[in-house]
Amino acid sequence: MKQAVIFDMDGVLVDNRDIHLEAFDVLFARHGLSAPREKMLMQFGKVNLAIFRDVFGDRFTDGEIAAFGKEKEEIYREIFARKIEPARGLVPFLAGLKKRGARIAVGSSGPLANVQFVLEKCGIAEYFDAIADGDRISRGKPDPEVFLLAARLLNVDPSQCIVFEDAIVGIEAGKRAGMTVIAMDTTFPREMLSGSGYDGIVSDFTEVDASILDKY
């Protein structure tokens, strides 16, 4: 029986892919920047520094990117506050895991402000025992640092953790951490996720329950 479940946030706890893309569109319009939507979509799961480096190369300093990232996340929260809701089936799943005594954490590349925003606005903060976020790591996914941090905060061995992830870089990070990874086809279609090494795949949390702790 597994002891803990670690959830990525974007595209997992909430369906927010298009909100992030909209926030980048607003940010870029403000600053006279542009990038193909397809290229931005492929950045999901990465920290802002990696996103801007991949999209714009060395055009901006780390400090400038940090300022852009802060502004973009403020835009994101302002837009999402009007329509945020937990992912389908998430709340019953969390309640079932708690009833079984599982430890629960967030393992997200997003900043702490975004994680707290999602947990509070969705009314699910009470279910989580720990938060590992982008502000607390030095290496973003596909590096396993954020998931290993979550396991340490939960005081659970990585091999006893199940990760829910929607991004290819996140699936790789979970596997590199030595964890069981359940992919979600909420951000990318299944054919894009095939071959990424996940242990199982679902479309939403109505397809799973707490018995998943015994399955892997």
N, C-alpha and C. Protein backbone atom coordinates (compact mmCIF):
# COMPACT_ATOMS: atom_id res chain seq x y z
N MET A 1 0.84 -1.21 0.00
CA MET A 1 0.00 0.00 0.00
C MET A 1 0.87 1.25 0.00
N LYS A 2 0.59 2.17 -0.93
CA LYS A 2 1.29 3.44 -0.95
C LYS A 2 0.83 4.31 0.22
N GLN A 3 1.72 5.20 0.65
CA GLN A 3 1.44 6.01 1.83
C GLN A 3 1.05 7.45 1.51
N ALA A 4 1.38 7.92 0.31
CA ALA A 4 1.18 9.34 0.02
C ALA A 4 0.80 9.57 -1.44
N VAL A 5 0.10 10.67 -1.67
CA VAL A 5 -0.24 11.10 -3.02
C VAL A 5 0.20 12.55 -3.18
N ILE A 6 0.92 12.82 -4.25
CA ILE A 6 1.42 14.16 -4.55
C ILE A 6 0.76 14.63 -5.84
N PHE A 7 0.16 15.80 -5.78
CA PHE A 7 -0.54 16.35 -6.93
C PHE A 7 0.23 17.52 -7.53
N ASP A 8 0.51 17.46 -8.81
CA ASP A 8 0.86 18.68 -9.52
C ASP A 8 -0.36 19.59 -9.43
N MET A 9 -0.20 20.86 -9.68
CA MET A 9 -1.35 21.76 -9.54
C MET A 9 -1.99 22.11 -10.88
N ASP A 10 -1.25 22.81 -11.74
CA ASP A 10 -1.83 23.28 -13.00
C ASP A 10 -2.20 22.11 -13.90
N GLY A 11 -3.47 22.07 -14.31
CA GLY A 11 -3.94 20.98 -15.16
C GLY A 11 -4.28 19.72 -14.40
N VAL A 12 -4.10 19.74 -13.08
CA VAL A 12 -4.39 18.56 -12.25
C VAL A 12 -5.43 18.92 -11.18
N LEU A 13 -5.06 19.78 -10.24
CA LEU A 13 -6.03 20.22 -9.25
C LEU A 13 -7.10 21.11 -9.87
N VAL A 14 -6.70 21.85 -10.89
CA VAL A 14 -7.63 22.74 -11.60
C VAL A 14 -7.35 22.66 -13.09
N ASP A 15 -8.38 22.88 -13.88
CA ASP A 15 -8.25 22.91 -15.33
C ASP A 15 -7.98 24.34 -15.75
N ASN A 16 -6.70 24.70 -15.87
CA ASN A 16 -6.35 26.11 -16.07
C ASN A 16 -5.39 26.36 -17.21
N ARG A 17 -5.26 25.40 -18.11
CA ARG A 17 -4.34 25.58 -19.23
C ARG A 17 -4.61 26.87 -19.99
N ASP A 18 -5.88 27.07 -20.38
CA ASP A 18 -6.21 28.24 -21.19
C ASP A 18 -6.09 29.54 -20.41
N ILE A 19 -6.25 29.47 -19.08
CA ILE A 19 -6.10 30.68 -18.26
C ILE A 19 -4.64 31.13 -18.28
N HIS A 20 -3.72 30.18 -18.16
CA HIS A 20 -2.30 30.54 -18.22
C HIS A 20 -1.94 31.12 -19.58
N LEU A 21 -2.44 30.51 -20.65
CA LEU A 21 -2.16 31.03 -21.98
C LEU A 21 -2.72 32.44 -22.15
N GLU A 22 -3.92 32.69 -21.62
CA GLU A 22 -4.51 34.02 -21.69
C GLU A 22 -3.67 35.03 -20.91
N ALA A 23 -3.17 34.61 -19.74
CA ALA A 23 -2.34 35.51 -18.93
C ALA A 23 -1.05 35.87 -19.67
N PHE A 24 -0.44 34.89 -20.34
CA PHE A 24 0.76 35.20 -21.13
C PHE A 24 0.41 36.14 -22.28
N ASP A 25 -0.74 35.94 -22.91
CA ASP A 25 -1.15 36.84 -24.00
C ASP A 25 -1.26 38.28 -23.50
N VAL A 26 -1.87 38.46 -22.33
CA VAL A 26 -2.03 39.81 -21.77
C VAL A 26 -0.66 40.40 -21.45
N LEU A 27 0.20 39.61 -20.81
CA LEU A 27 1.55 40.08 -20.47
C LEU A 27 2.32 40.49 -21.72
N PHE A 28 2.30 39.64 -22.73
CA PHE A 28 3.06 39.92 -23.95
C PHE A 28 2.53 41.18 -24.64
N ALA A 29 1.20 41.34 -24.65
CA ALA A 29 0.62 42.53 -25.27
C ALA A 29 1.06 43.80 -24.56
N ARG A 30 1.17 43.73 -23.24
CA ARG A 30 1.60 44.90 -22.47
C ARG A 30 3.02 45.30 -22.80
N HIS A 31 3.87 44.31 -23.12
CA HIS A 31 5.30 44.58 -23.26
C HIS A 31 5.80 44.42 -24.70
N GLY A 32 4.88 44.33 -25.65
CA GLY A 32 5.28 44.25 -27.04
C GLY A 32 5.99 42.97 -27.41
N LEU A 33 5.64 41.88 -26.76
CA LEU A 33 6.26 40.58 -27.01
C LEU A 33 5.27 39.67 -27.72
N SER A 34 5.79 38.60 -28.29
CA SER A 34 4.91 37.61 -28.91
C SER A 34 5.60 36.27 -28.95
N ALA A 35 4.79 35.21 -28.97
CA ALA A 35 5.30 33.84 -29.09
C ALA A 35 4.17 32.97 -29.61
N PRO A 36 4.47 32.01 -30.46
CA PRO A 36 3.41 31.13 -30.96
C PRO A 36 2.73 30.38 -29.82
N ARG A 37 1.40 30.28 -29.89
CA ARG A 37 0.65 29.59 -28.83
C ARG A 37 1.12 28.15 -28.69
N GLU A 38 1.46 27.51 -29.79
CA GLU A 38 1.91 26.11 -29.73
C GLU A 38 3.20 26.00 -28.92
N LYS A 39 4.08 26.97 -29.06
CA LYS A 39 5.33 26.96 -28.30
C LYS A 39 5.06 27.20 -26.82
N MET A 40 4.12 28.09 -26.51
CA MET A 40 3.79 28.36 -25.12
C MET A 40 3.13 27.14 -24.48
N LEU A 41 2.30 26.44 -25.22
CA LEU A 41 1.65 25.25 -24.69
C LEU A 41 2.67 24.20 -24.27
N MET A 42 3.75 24.09 -25.02
CA MET A 42 4.77 23.09 -24.71
C MET A 42 5.60 23.46 -23.48
N GLN A 43 5.38 24.65 -22.92
CA GLN A 43 6.13 25.06 -21.73
C GLN A 43 5.46 24.59 -20.43
N PHE A 44 4.27 24.02 -20.52
CA PHE A 44 3.54 23.65 -19.31
C PHE A 44 4.35 22.68 -18.45
N GLY A 45 4.35 22.98 -17.14
CA GLY A 45 5.10 22.17 -16.19
C GLY A 45 6.42 22.78 -15.80
N LYS A 46 6.89 23.78 -16.55
CA LYS A 46 8.18 24.40 -16.28
C LYS A 46 8.02 25.64 -15.42
N VAL A 47 9.10 26.04 -14.75
CA VAL A 47 9.12 27.29 -14.00
C VAL A 47 9.27 28.45 -14.99
N ASN A 48 8.90 29.66 -14.56
CA ASN A 48 8.91 30.81 -15.47
C ASN A 48 10.28 31.11 -16.05
N LEU A 49 11.33 30.92 -15.26
CA LEU A 49 12.68 31.19 -15.78
C LEU A 49 12.96 30.30 -16.98
N ALA A 50 12.63 29.02 -16.87
CA ALA A 50 12.86 28.09 -17.98
C ALA A 50 11.98 28.42 -19.18
N ILE A 51 10.74 28.85 -18.91
CA ILE A 51 9.83 29.21 -19.99
C ILE A 51 10.39 30.37 -20.80
N PHE A 52 10.78 31.45 -20.12
CA PHE A 52 11.27 32.63 -20.83
C PHE A 52 12.59 32.36 -21.53
N ARG A 53 13.44 31.54 -20.93
CA ARG A 53 14.71 31.20 -21.58
C ARG A 53 14.45 30.39 -22.85
N ASP A 54 13.51 29.47 -22.79
CA ASP A 54 13.23 28.64 -23.96
C ASP A 54 12.59 29.46 -25.07
N VAL A 55 11.71 30.38 -24.69
CA VAL A 55 10.97 31.16 -25.70
C VAL A 55 11.79 32.33 -26.23
N PHE A 56 12.53 33.02 -25.35
CA PHE A 56 13.22 34.25 -25.75
C PHE A 56 14.74 34.17 -25.67
N GLY A 57 15.28 33.01 -25.33
CA GLY A 57 16.73 32.87 -25.25
C GLY A 57 17.33 33.78 -24.19
N ASP A 58 18.39 34.47 -24.54
CA ASP A 58 19.09 35.34 -23.58
C ASP A 58 18.67 36.80 -23.71
N ARG A 59 17.51 37.04 -24.26
CA ARG A 59 17.06 38.42 -24.49
C ARG A 59 16.87 39.19 -23.19
N PHE A 60 16.51 38.48 -22.10
CA PHE A 60 16.23 39.14 -20.83
C PHE A 60 17.12 38.58 -19.73
N THR A 61 17.41 39.43 -18.73
CA THR A 61 18.17 38.98 -17.57
C THR A 61 17.27 38.17 -16.64
N ASP A 62 17.90 37.48 -15.71
CA ASP A 62 17.11 36.72 -14.73
C ASP A 62 16.19 37.64 -13.94
N GLY A 63 16.68 38.83 -13.62
CA GLY A 63 15.87 39.79 -12.88
C GLY A 63 14.67 40.25 -13.67
N GLU A 64 14.87 40.52 -14.96
CA GLU A 64 13.76 40.93 -15.81
C GLU A 64 12.73 39.81 -15.94
N ILE A 65 13.22 38.58 -16.05
CA ILE A 65 12.31 37.43 -16.15
C ILE A 65 11.52 37.27 -14.85
N ALA A 66 12.18 37.47 -13.72
CA ALA A 66 11.48 37.37 -12.44
C ALA A 66 10.35 38.39 -12.36
N ALA A 67 10.60 39.60 -12.86
CA ALA A 67 9.57 40.64 -12.85
C ALA A 67 8.42 40.27 -13.80
N PHE A 68 8.77 39.77 -14.98
CA PHE A 68 7.74 39.32 -15.91
C PHE A 68 6.91 38.20 -15.29
N GLY A 69 7.60 37.25 -14.64
CA GLY A 69 6.90 36.13 -14.03
C GLY A 69 5.94 36.57 -12.94
N LYS A 70 6.37 37.50 -12.12
CA LYS A 70 5.50 38.01 -11.05
C LYS A 70 4.27 38.69 -11.64
N GLU A 71 4.47 39.50 -12.67
CA GLU A 71 3.35 40.19 -13.30
C GLU A 71 2.39 39.20 -13.95
N LYS A 72 2.95 38.21 -14.64
CA LYS A 72 2.10 37.22 -15.32
C LYS A 72 1.25 36.46 -14.31
N GLU A 73 1.83 36.06 -13.19
CA GLU A 73 1.06 35.29 -12.20
C GLU A 73 -0.03 36.15 -11.56
N GLU A 74 0.23 37.43 -11.40
CA GLU A 74 -0.82 38.34 -10.89
C GLU A 74 -1.97 38.42 -11.89
N ILE A 75 -1.65 38.50 -13.17
CA ILE A 75 -2.67 38.52 -14.22
C ILE A 75 -3.47 37.22 -14.18
N TYR A 76 -2.76 36.11 -14.08
CA TYR A 76 -3.40 34.79 -14.04
C TYR A 76 -4.40 34.68 -12.89
N ARG A 77 -3.98 35.09 -11.69
CA ARG A 77 -4.88 34.98 -10.54
C ARG A 77 -6.10 35.89 -10.69
N GLU A 78 -5.89 37.08 -11.26
CA GLU A 78 -7.01 38.00 -11.47
C GLU A 78 -8.03 37.40 -12.44
N ILE A 79 -7.56 36.80 -13.51
CA ILE A 79 -8.47 36.20 -14.49
C ILE A 79 -9.16 34.97 -13.91
N PHE A 80 -8.39 34.10 -13.27
CA PHE A 80 -8.90 32.80 -12.83
C PHE A 80 -9.85 32.92 -11.64
N ALA A 81 -9.70 33.98 -10.85
CA ALA A 81 -10.55 34.15 -9.66
C ALA A 81 -12.02 34.18 -10.02
N ARG A 82 -12.34 34.57 -11.25
CA ARG A 82 -13.73 34.71 -11.66
C ARG A 82 -14.37 33.38 -12.04
N LYS A 83 -13.57 32.34 -12.25
CA LYS A 83 -14.13 31.10 -12.77
C LYS A 83 -13.52 29.84 -12.18
N ILE A 84 -12.70 29.96 -11.17
CA ILE A 84 -11.98 28.82 -10.63
C ILE A 84 -12.91 27.81 -9.96
N GLU A 85 -12.60 26.53 -10.16
CA GLU A 85 -13.29 25.44 -9.47
C GLU A 85 -12.37 24.23 -9.48
N PRO A 86 -12.51 23.34 -8.49
CA PRO A 86 -11.65 22.16 -8.46
C PRO A 86 -11.93 21.24 -9.64
N ALA A 87 -10.93 20.45 -10.01
CA ALA A 87 -11.09 19.50 -11.10
C ALA A 87 -12.21 18.50 -10.79
N ARG A 88 -12.81 17.98 -11.82
CA ARG A 88 -13.93 17.06 -11.69
C ARG A 88 -13.53 15.83 -10.88
N GLY A 89 -14.28 15.57 -9.82
CA GLY A 89 -14.04 14.39 -8.98
C GLY A 89 -12.95 14.56 -7.95
N LEU A 90 -12.28 15.73 -7.92
CA LEU A 90 -11.13 15.91 -7.02
C LEU A 90 -11.53 15.86 -5.55
N VAL A 91 -12.55 16.60 -5.16
CA VAL A 91 -12.88 16.69 -3.73
C VAL A 91 -13.26 15.33 -3.15
N PRO A 92 -14.13 14.53 -3.77
CA PRO A 92 -14.40 13.19 -3.22
C PRO A 92 -13.15 12.32 -3.16
N PHE A 93 -12.28 12.46 -4.16
CA PHE A 93 -11.03 11.68 -4.15
C PHE A 93 -10.16 12.07 -2.97
N LEU A 94 -9.99 13.37 -2.73
CA LEU A 94 -9.20 13.83 -1.59
C LEU A 94 -9.80 13.34 -0.28
N ALA A 95 -11.11 13.41 -0.16
CA ALA A 95 -11.77 12.96 1.07
C ALA A 95 -11.54 11.47 1.29
N GLY A 96 -11.59 10.70 0.22
CA GLY A 96 -11.36 9.26 0.34
C GLY A 96 -9.93 8.93 0.74
N LEU A 97 -8.98 9.67 0.18
CA LEU A 97 -7.57 9.46 0.55
C LEU A 97 -7.35 9.79 2.02
N LYS A 98 -7.93 10.87 2.49
CA LYS A 98 -7.79 11.25 3.90
C LYS A 98 -8.39 10.18 4.82
N LYS A 99 -9.53 9.64 4.41
CA LYS A 99 -10.18 8.60 5.21
C LYS A 99 -9.30 7.37 5.32
N ARG A 100 -8.52 7.10 4.28
CA ARG A 100 -7.60 5.96 4.30
C ARG A 100 -6.31 6.28 5.05
N GLY A 101 -6.12 7.52 5.45
CA GLY A 101 -4.91 7.89 6.18
C GLY A 101 -3.74 8.25 5.32
N ALA A 102 -3.96 8.49 4.03
CA ALA A 102 -2.87 8.86 3.14
C ALA A 102 -2.37 10.27 3.44
N ARG A 103 -1.10 10.48 3.24
CA ARG A 103 -0.51 11.81 3.31
C ARG A 103 -0.66 12.46 1.93
N ILE A 104 -0.92 13.77 1.89
CA ILE A 104 -1.23 14.44 0.63
C ILE A 104 -0.42 15.73 0.52
N ALA A 105 0.16 15.95 -0.67
CA ALA A 105 0.96 17.16 -0.89
C ALA A 105 0.72 17.70 -2.29
N VAL A 106 1.07 18.97 -2.47
CA VAL A 106 1.18 19.58 -3.78
C VAL A 106 2.66 19.57 -4.17
N GLY A 107 2.93 19.25 -5.44
CA GLY A 107 4.28 19.33 -5.98
C GLY A 107 4.22 20.11 -7.27
N SER A 108 4.35 21.43 -7.20
CA SER A 108 4.08 22.30 -8.34
C SER A 108 5.26 23.19 -8.69
N SER A 109 5.42 23.46 -9.98
CA SER A 109 6.42 24.43 -10.43
C SER A 109 5.95 25.86 -10.19
N GLY A 110 4.67 26.04 -9.90
CA GLY A 110 4.13 27.38 -9.70
C GLY A 110 4.59 27.99 -8.39
N PRO A 111 4.52 29.31 -8.28
CA PRO A 111 4.91 29.99 -7.04
C PRO A 111 3.92 29.71 -5.93
N LEU A 112 4.38 29.89 -4.69
CA LEU A 112 3.53 29.61 -3.53
C LEU A 112 2.23 30.41 -3.58
N ALA A 113 2.28 31.65 -4.04
CA ALA A 113 1.07 32.47 -4.10
C ALA A 113 0.00 31.81 -4.97
N ASN A 114 0.41 31.18 -6.06
CA ASN A 114 -0.55 30.49 -6.93
C ASN A 114 -1.12 29.25 -6.26
N VAL A 115 -0.25 28.50 -5.58
CA VAL A 115 -0.72 27.29 -4.90
C VAL A 115 -1.73 27.65 -3.82
N GLN A 116 -1.40 28.63 -2.99
CA GLN A 116 -2.32 29.04 -1.93
C GLN A 116 -3.62 29.56 -2.50
N PHE A 117 -3.54 30.31 -3.59
CA PHE A 117 -4.72 30.83 -4.28
C PHE A 117 -5.65 29.69 -4.70
N VAL A 118 -5.10 28.66 -5.32
CA VAL A 118 -5.90 27.53 -5.79
C VAL A 118 -6.50 26.76 -4.63
N LEU A 119 -5.70 26.44 -3.63
CA LEU A 119 -6.20 25.65 -2.50
C LEU A 119 -7.30 26.39 -1.75
N GLU A 120 -7.11 27.68 -1.55
CA GLU A 120 -8.10 28.46 -0.81
C GLU A 120 -9.38 28.70 -1.62
N LYS A 121 -9.22 29.11 -2.88
CA LYS A 121 -10.39 29.40 -3.71
C LYS A 121 -11.22 28.15 -4.00
N CYS A 122 -10.57 27.01 -4.06
CA CYS A 122 -11.28 25.75 -4.30
C CYS A 122 -11.77 25.09 -3.01
N GLY A 123 -11.40 25.65 -1.87
CA GLY A 123 -11.84 25.11 -0.59
C GLY A 123 -11.26 23.75 -0.26
N ILE A 124 -10.01 23.49 -0.67
CA ILE A 124 -9.41 22.17 -0.47
C ILE A 124 -8.14 22.21 0.36
N ALA A 125 -7.80 23.36 0.93
CA ALA A 125 -6.54 23.48 1.68
C ALA A 125 -6.45 22.48 2.83
N GLU A 126 -7.59 22.18 3.45
CA GLU A 126 -7.60 21.30 4.62
C GLU A 126 -7.12 19.89 4.31
N TYR A 127 -7.15 19.48 3.06
CA TYR A 127 -6.77 18.12 2.71
C TYR A 127 -5.26 17.94 2.57
N PHE A 128 -4.53 19.03 2.48
CA PHE A 128 -3.10 18.94 2.14
C PHE A 128 -2.22 19.08 3.38
N ASP A 129 -1.26 18.15 3.47
CA ASP A 129 -0.32 18.13 4.59
C ASP A 129 0.95 18.91 4.30
N ALA A 130 1.25 19.15 3.02
CA ALA A 130 2.49 19.84 2.67
C ALA A 130 2.36 20.46 1.29
N ILE A 131 3.17 21.50 1.07
CA ILE A 131 3.25 22.18 -0.22
C ILE A 131 4.71 22.28 -0.63
N ALA A 132 5.03 21.72 -1.79
CA ALA A 132 6.34 21.93 -2.42
C ALA A 132 6.07 22.75 -3.68
N ASP A 133 6.63 23.95 -3.76
CA ASP A 133 6.29 24.87 -4.84
C ASP A 133 7.54 25.40 -5.52
N GLY A 134 7.32 26.14 -6.61
CA GLY A 134 8.43 26.65 -7.40
C GLY A 134 9.33 27.61 -6.68
N ASP A 135 8.83 28.25 -5.62
CA ASP A 135 9.65 29.19 -4.86
C ASP A 135 10.68 28.49 -3.99
N ARG A 136 10.50 27.19 -3.77
CA ARG A 136 11.35 26.46 -2.83
C ARG A 136 12.35 25.55 -3.51
N ILE A 137 12.42 25.60 -4.83
CA ILE A 137 13.34 24.72 -5.54
C ILE A 137 14.28 25.55 -6.41
N SER A 138 15.41 24.95 -6.76
CA SER A 138 16.38 25.62 -7.63
C SER A 138 16.39 25.02 -9.03
N ARG A 139 15.77 23.84 -9.17
CA ARG A 139 15.74 23.17 -10.46
C ARG A 139 14.30 22.75 -10.77
N GLY A 140 13.77 23.22 -11.88
CA GLY A 140 12.41 22.89 -12.25
C GLY A 140 12.30 21.53 -12.92
N LYS A 141 11.08 21.06 -13.08
CA LYS A 141 10.82 19.81 -13.80
C LYS A 141 11.38 19.94 -15.23
N PRO A 142 11.97 18.89 -15.78
CA PRO A 142 11.90 17.48 -15.41
C PRO A 142 12.83 17.03 -14.29
N ASP A 143 13.57 17.96 -13.68
CA ASP A 143 14.33 17.57 -12.49
C ASP A 143 13.35 17.15 -11.41
N PRO A 144 13.65 16.10 -10.64
CA PRO A 144 12.71 15.60 -9.63
C PRO A 144 12.69 16.37 -8.33
N GLU A 145 13.42 17.49 -8.23
CA GLU A 145 13.59 18.18 -6.96
C GLU A 145 12.27 18.47 -6.25
N VAL A 146 11.27 18.98 -6.96
CA VAL A 146 10.03 19.39 -6.29
C VAL A 146 9.29 18.19 -5.71
N PHE A 147 9.34 17.05 -6.38
CA PHE A 147 8.66 15.88 -5.85
C PHE A 147 9.42 15.25 -4.69
N LEU A 148 10.74 15.29 -4.77
CA LEU A 148 11.54 14.79 -3.65
C LEU A 148 11.35 15.68 -2.42
N LEU A 149 11.23 16.99 -2.64
CA LEU A 149 10.96 17.90 -1.53
C LEU A 149 9.60 17.57 -0.91
N ALA A 150 8.59 17.33 -1.73
CA ALA A 150 7.27 16.99 -1.21
C ALA A 150 7.32 15.72 -0.36
N ALA A 151 8.06 14.72 -0.82
CA ALA A 151 8.18 13.48 -0.05
C ALA A 151 8.86 13.73 1.29
N ARG A 152 9.90 14.58 1.28
CA ARG A 152 10.58 14.90 2.54
C ARG A 152 9.64 15.63 3.49
N LEU A 153 8.88 16.56 2.97
CA LEU A 153 7.95 17.31 3.82
C LEU A 153 6.88 16.40 4.41
N LEU A 154 6.51 15.37 3.67
CA LEU A 154 5.52 14.41 4.16
C LEU A 154 6.15 13.33 5.05
N ASN A 155 7.50 13.28 5.04
CA ASN A 155 8.23 12.24 5.77
C ASN A 155 7.86 10.84 5.26
N VAL A 156 7.80 10.74 3.94
CA VAL A 156 7.46 9.48 3.28
C VAL A 156 8.54 9.18 2.23
N ASP A 157 8.94 7.92 2.14
CA ASP A 157 9.92 7.52 1.14
C ASP A 157 9.34 7.73 -0.26
N PRO A 158 10.14 8.24 -1.21
CA PRO A 158 9.62 8.47 -2.56
C PRO A 158 8.96 7.24 -3.19
N SER A 159 9.47 6.07 -2.89
CA SER A 159 8.90 4.85 -3.48
C SER A 159 7.48 4.59 -2.99
N GLN A 160 7.07 5.25 -1.92
CA GLN A 160 5.74 5.07 -1.37
C GLN A 160 4.77 6.17 -1.80
N CYS A 161 5.16 6.95 -2.83
CA CYS A 161 4.35 8.07 -3.30
C CYS A 161 3.76 7.82 -4.69
N ILE A 162 2.54 8.26 -4.87
CA ILE A 162 1.90 8.32 -6.18
C ILE A 162 1.80 9.78 -6.60
N VAL A 163 2.19 10.07 -7.82
CA VAL A 163 2.14 11.43 -8.36
C VAL A 163 1.07 11.50 -9.45
N PHE A 164 0.28 12.57 -9.43
CA PHE A 164 -0.65 12.86 -10.52
C PHE A 164 -0.08 14.03 -11.31
N GLU A 165 0.12 13.84 -12.61
CA GLU A 165 0.78 14.83 -13.46
C GLU A 165 0.12 14.90 -14.84
N ASP A 166 0.10 16.11 -15.40
CA ASP A 166 -0.47 16.29 -16.74
C ASP A 166 0.57 16.62 -17.79
N ALA A 167 1.79 17.00 -17.39
CA ALA A 167 2.80 17.46 -18.33
C ALA A 167 3.90 16.42 -18.51
N ILE A 168 4.47 16.38 -19.71
CA ILE A 168 5.52 15.41 -20.01
C ILE A 168 6.72 15.63 -19.10
N VAL A 169 7.11 16.89 -18.87
CA VAL A 169 8.26 17.15 -17.99
C VAL A 169 7.94 16.72 -16.56
N GLY A 170 6.67 16.83 -16.15
CA GLY A 170 6.29 16.42 -14.81
C GLY A 170 6.27 14.92 -14.65
N ILE A 171 5.82 14.22 -15.68
CA ILE A 171 5.83 12.75 -15.64
C ILE A 171 7.27 12.26 -15.51
N GLU A 172 8.16 12.86 -16.30
CA GLU A 172 9.58 12.49 -16.21
C GLU A 172 10.14 12.78 -14.82
N ALA A 173 9.77 13.92 -14.26
CA ALA A 173 10.25 14.27 -12.92
C ALA A 173 9.78 13.26 -11.88
N GLY A 174 8.52 12.86 -11.96
CA GLY A 174 8.00 11.88 -11.01
C GLY A 174 8.70 10.55 -11.12
N LYS A 175 8.95 10.09 -12.34
CA LYS A 175 9.64 8.82 -12.52
C LYS A 175 11.09 8.91 -12.05
N ARG A 176 11.73 10.03 -12.32
CA ARG A 176 13.11 10.21 -11.85
C ARG A 176 13.18 10.28 -10.33
N ALA A 177 12.09 10.68 -9.70
CA ALA A 177 12.04 10.70 -8.24
C ALA A 177 11.81 9.31 -7.65
N GLY A 178 11.55 8.32 -8.51
CA GLY A 178 11.31 6.97 -8.03
C GLY A 178 9.88 6.74 -7.58
N MET A 179 8.96 7.53 -8.10
CA MET A 179 7.56 7.46 -7.68
C MET A 179 6.69 6.83 -8.76
N THR A 180 5.53 6.34 -8.36
CA THR A 180 4.51 5.89 -9.30
C THR A 180 3.83 7.13 -9.88
N VAL A 181 3.66 7.18 -11.19
CA VAL A 181 3.10 8.37 -11.83
C VAL A 181 1.82 8.02 -12.58
N ILE A 182 0.75 8.72 -12.25
CA ILE A 182 -0.50 8.62 -12.98
C ILE A 182 -0.64 9.88 -13.83
N ALA A 183 -0.67 9.69 -15.13
CA ALA A 183 -0.79 10.83 -16.05
C ALA A 183 -2.26 11.23 -16.17
N MET A 184 -2.47 12.50 -16.51
CA MET A 184 -3.81 13.02 -16.78
C MET A 184 -3.78 13.71 -18.14
N ASP A 185 -4.75 13.37 -18.99
CA ASP A 185 -4.76 13.94 -20.34
C ASP A 185 -5.60 15.22 -20.39
N THR A 186 -5.38 16.07 -19.41
CA THR A 186 -6.14 17.32 -19.29
C THR A 186 -5.51 18.48 -20.06
N THR A 187 -4.21 18.45 -20.23
CA THR A 187 -3.50 19.51 -20.93
C THR A 187 -3.03 19.07 -22.30
N PHE A 188 -2.56 17.84 -22.40
CA PHE A 188 -2.08 17.29 -23.66
C PHE A 188 -2.88 16.04 -24.01
N PRO A 189 -3.12 15.78 -25.29
CA PRO A 189 -3.83 14.55 -25.68
C PRO A 189 -3.01 13.31 -25.35
N ARG A 190 -3.71 12.19 -25.19
CA ARG A 190 -3.03 10.96 -24.79
C ARG A 190 -1.89 10.57 -25.73
N GLU A 191 -2.09 10.80 -27.02
CA GLU A 191 -1.04 10.40 -27.96
C GLU A 191 0.26 11.16 -27.73
N MET A 192 0.17 12.38 -27.20
CA MET A 192 1.39 13.14 -26.89
C MET A 192 2.06 12.64 -25.63
N LEU A 193 1.26 12.05 -24.73
CA LEU A 193 1.82 11.55 -23.47
C LEU A 193 2.35 10.13 -23.59
N SER A 194 1.96 9.43 -24.64
CA SER A 194 2.40 8.04 -24.78
C SER A 194 3.92 7.99 -24.91
N GLY A 195 4.51 7.03 -24.25
CA GLY A 195 5.95 6.90 -24.28
C GLY A 195 6.66 7.72 -23.22
N SER A 196 5.91 8.46 -22.40
CA SER A 196 6.53 9.29 -21.37
C SER A 196 6.85 8.50 -20.10
N GLY A 197 6.39 7.26 -20.03
CA GLY A 197 6.78 6.39 -18.92
C GLY A 197 5.83 6.35 -17.75
N TYR A 198 4.63 6.88 -17.90
CA TYR A 198 3.68 6.86 -16.79
C TYR A 198 3.23 5.44 -16.48
N ASP A 199 2.70 5.26 -15.27
CA ASP A 199 2.25 3.95 -14.81
C ASP A 199 0.76 3.72 -15.04
N GLY A 200 0.02 4.80 -15.24
CA GLY A 200 -1.41 4.74 -15.51
C GLY A 200 -1.84 6.09 -16.04
N ILE A 201 -3.04 6.15 -16.63
CA ILE A 201 -3.51 7.41 -17.17
C ILE A 201 -5.02 7.52 -16.99
N VAL A 202 -5.47 8.72 -16.63
CA VAL A 202 -6.90 9.00 -16.44
C VAL A 202 -7.22 10.35 -17.05
N SER A 203 -8.53 10.60 -17.25
CA SER A 203 -8.97 11.89 -17.77
C SER A 203 -9.43 12.84 -16.67
N ASP A 204 -9.93 12.28 -15.56
CA ASP A 204 -10.28 13.09 -14.40
C ASP A 204 -10.37 12.19 -13.18
N PHE A 205 -10.67 12.77 -12.03
CA PHE A 205 -10.62 12.03 -10.77
C PHE A 205 -11.85 11.18 -10.51
N THR A 206 -12.85 11.24 -11.38
CA THR A 206 -13.97 10.31 -11.24
C THR A 206 -13.56 8.90 -11.61
N GLU A 207 -12.40 8.77 -12.26
CA GLU A 207 -11.92 7.46 -12.70
C GLU A 207 -11.06 6.76 -11.66
N VAL A 208 -10.84 7.40 -10.51
CA VAL A 208 -10.01 6.81 -9.46
C VAL A 208 -10.68 6.98 -8.10
N ASP A 209 -10.26 6.17 -7.16
CA ASP A 209 -10.67 6.35 -5.76
C ASP A 209 -9.52 5.93 -4.87
N ALA A 210 -9.74 5.92 -3.57
CA ALA A 210 -8.64 5.67 -2.63
C ALA A 210 -8.03 4.28 -2.77
N SER A 211 -8.72 3.37 -3.45
CA SER A 211 -8.15 2.03 -3.63
C SER A 211 -6.90 2.06 -4.50
N ILE A 212 -6.62 3.21 -5.16
CA ILE A 212 -5.40 3.32 -5.95
C ILE A 212 -4.16 3.12 -5.07
N LEU A 213 -4.30 3.40 -3.79
CA LEU A 213 -3.18 3.20 -2.86
C LEU A 213 -2.75 1.74 -2.81
N ASP A 214 -3.68 0.84 -3.06
CA ASP A 214 -3.39 -0.59 -3.00
C ASP A 214 -2.98 -1.17 -4.35
N LYS A 215 -3.18 -0.41 -5.42
CA LYS A 215 -3.02 -0.94 -6.77
C LYS A 215 -1.57 -1.00 -7.19
N TYR A 216 -0.75 -0.05 -6.73
CA TYR A 216 0.63 0.05 -7.23
C TYR A 216 1.64 -0.28 -6.15
